[in-house]
Amino acid sequence: MGVYDPADAVVEWESLFTGDGPQELARAGEPQVLTGITNDGCYVFMISERLQALLATQDPPRRDDVARRWSRLRRADGEFIGEDEAVDHLAELASLARAATGQGARLYCSVR
């Protein structure tokens, strides 16, 4: 998988699912950073409840469309993330979202 900022990615995915602008989501505090960012750039954030619900419930064709559109966005910004990789990555994240939702839990990301 190509290199990308996961905090930016969750905002972009939510934007692509909902049509809300990334700036609007960022102003709303998404994603919610739970720890301070250390000198080496490590931190933990939680994805929004709405994105978790979308990932857990979207049908595969819709989710795959979002993944492909995200891949094209990243490519336009000079980052190469293949469409197939993006589809696989979002499918894996959707599986985690379904499992977490089924357990009444939330999804977190540790950035290192």
Protein backbone atom coordinates (compact mmCIF):
# COMPACT_ATOMS: atom_id res chain seq x y z
CA MET A 1 0.00 0.00 0.00
CA GLY A 2 1.23 3.46 -0.76
CA VAL A 3 2.22 5.86 1.98
CA TYR A 4 -0.51 8.23 3.15
CA ASP A 5 -1.61 10.12 6.24
CA PRO A 6 -4.30 7.96 7.91
CA ALA A 7 -5.91 10.94 9.67
CA ASP A 8 -6.32 12.70 6.34
CA ALA A 9 -7.55 9.48 4.74
CA VAL A 10 -10.43 8.97 7.19
CA VAL A 11 -11.58 12.53 6.54
CA GLU A 12 -11.37 11.98 2.79
CA TRP A 13 -13.25 8.65 3.00
CA GLU A 14 -16.03 10.21 5.08
CA SER A 15 -16.20 13.11 2.64
CA LEU A 16 -16.48 10.75 -0.32
CA PHE A 17 -19.22 8.72 1.40
CA THR A 18 -21.24 11.72 2.55
CA GLY A 19 -20.47 14.61 0.24
CA ASP A 20 -19.43 16.78 3.20
CA GLY A 21 -16.27 18.72 2.48
CA PRO A 22 -13.03 17.65 4.14
CA GLN A 23 -12.61 21.15 5.58
CA GLU A 24 -16.07 20.94 7.15
CA LEU A 25 -15.21 17.59 8.76
CA ALA A 26 -11.87 18.92 10.00
CA ARG A 27 -13.61 21.95 11.53
CA ALA A 28 -15.98 19.51 13.27
CA GLY A 29 -12.95 17.91 14.91
CA GLU A 30 -12.62 14.81 12.76
CA PRO A 31 -10.79 12.66 13.33
CA GLN A 32 -10.69 12.95 17.09
CA VAL A 33 -7.03 12.88 18.18
CA LEU A 34 -6.79 11.17 21.56
CA THR A 35 -3.14 11.63 22.40
CA GLY A 36 -0.62 14.37 21.97
CA ILE A 37 1.53 14.12 18.89
CA THR A 38 5.03 13.18 20.00
CA ASN A 39 8.26 14.57 18.56
CA ASP A 40 8.55 11.53 16.29
CA GLY A 41 4.98 12.06 14.98
CA CYS A 42 3.26 9.24 16.86
CA TYR A 43 -0.34 9.68 18.00
CA VAL A 44 -3.68 7.86 18.31
CA PHE A 45 -6.99 8.96 16.83
CA MET A 46 -10.53 7.61 16.71
CA ILE A 47 -12.55 7.63 13.51
CA SER A 48 -15.96 9.24 13.63
CA GLU A 49 -19.01 7.23 14.61
CA ARG A 50 -20.55 8.15 11.27
CA LEU A 51 -17.61 6.81 9.23
CA GLN A 52 -17.52 3.65 11.32
CA ALA A 53 -21.24 3.12 10.68
CA LEU A 54 -20.82 3.80 6.97
CA LEU A 55 -17.94 1.34 6.69
CA ALA A 56 -19.87 -1.28 8.65
CA THR A 57 -23.04 -1.01 6.56
CA GLN A 58 -22.19 0.08 3.01
CA ASP A 59 -22.60 -2.49 0.30
CA PRO A 60 -19.35 -3.55 -1.39
CA PRO A 61 -20.01 -1.78 -4.74
CA ARG A 62 -20.52 1.58 -2.98
CA ARG A 63 -17.51 1.05 -0.71
CA ASP A 64 -15.35 0.03 -3.67
CA ASP A 65 -16.43 3.14 -5.58
CA VAL A 66 -15.32 5.31 -2.66
CA ALA A 67 -11.99 3.47 -2.52
CA ARG A 68 -11.36 4.01 -6.25
CA ARG A 69 -12.27 7.68 -6.03
CA TRP A 70 -9.94 8.07 -3.06
CA SER A 71 -7.13 6.39 -5.02
CA ARG A 72 -7.62 8.91 -7.84
CA LEU A 73 -7.59 11.80 -5.32
CA ARG A 74 -4.31 10.61 -3.88
CA ARG A 75 -2.83 10.17 -7.35
CA ALA A 76 -3.86 13.74 -8.23
CA ASP A 77 -1.86 14.87 -5.16
CA GLY A 78 1.21 12.90 -6.27
CA GLU A 79 0.73 9.86 -4.02
CA PHE A 80 0.40 6.49 -5.70
CA ILE A 81 -2.16 4.23 -4.11
CA GLY A 82 -3.43 1.69 -6.62
CA GLU A 83 -7.18 1.31 -7.01
CA ASP A 84 -7.04 -2.42 -6.22
CA GLU A 85 -4.98 -1.72 -3.11
CA ALA A 86 -7.43 0.97 -2.03
CA VAL A 87 -10.40 -1.38 -2.55
CA ASP A 88 -8.72 -4.13 -0.52
CA HIS A 89 -7.69 -1.69 2.21
CA LEU A 90 -11.18 -0.22 2.63
CA ALA A 91 -12.70 -3.73 2.60
CA GLU A 92 -10.40 -4.73 5.46
CA LEU A 93 -11.27 -1.57 7.36
CA ALA A 94 -14.98 -2.24 6.78
CA SER A 95 -14.53 -5.71 8.27
CA LEU A 96 -12.93 -4.17 11.36
CA ALA A 97 -15.76 -1.61 11.55
CA ARG A 98 -18.39 -4.39 11.45
CA ALA A 99 -16.59 -6.34 14.17
CA ALA A 100 -16.15 -3.26 16.38
CA THR A 101 -19.75 -2.17 15.88
CA GLY A 102 -20.99 -5.66 16.70
CA GLN A 103 -19.08 -5.47 19.99
CA GLY A 104 -20.19 -1.94 20.81
CA ALA A 105 -16.61 -0.75 20.34
CA ARG A 106 -14.98 2.04 18.34
CA LEU A 107 -12.16 2.07 15.79
CA TYR A 108 -8.85 3.67 16.71
CA CYS A 109 -5.69 4.20 14.70
CA SER A 110 -2.22 4.36 16.14
CA VAL A 111 0.07 6.37 13.87
CA ARG A 112 3.77 5.61 14.21
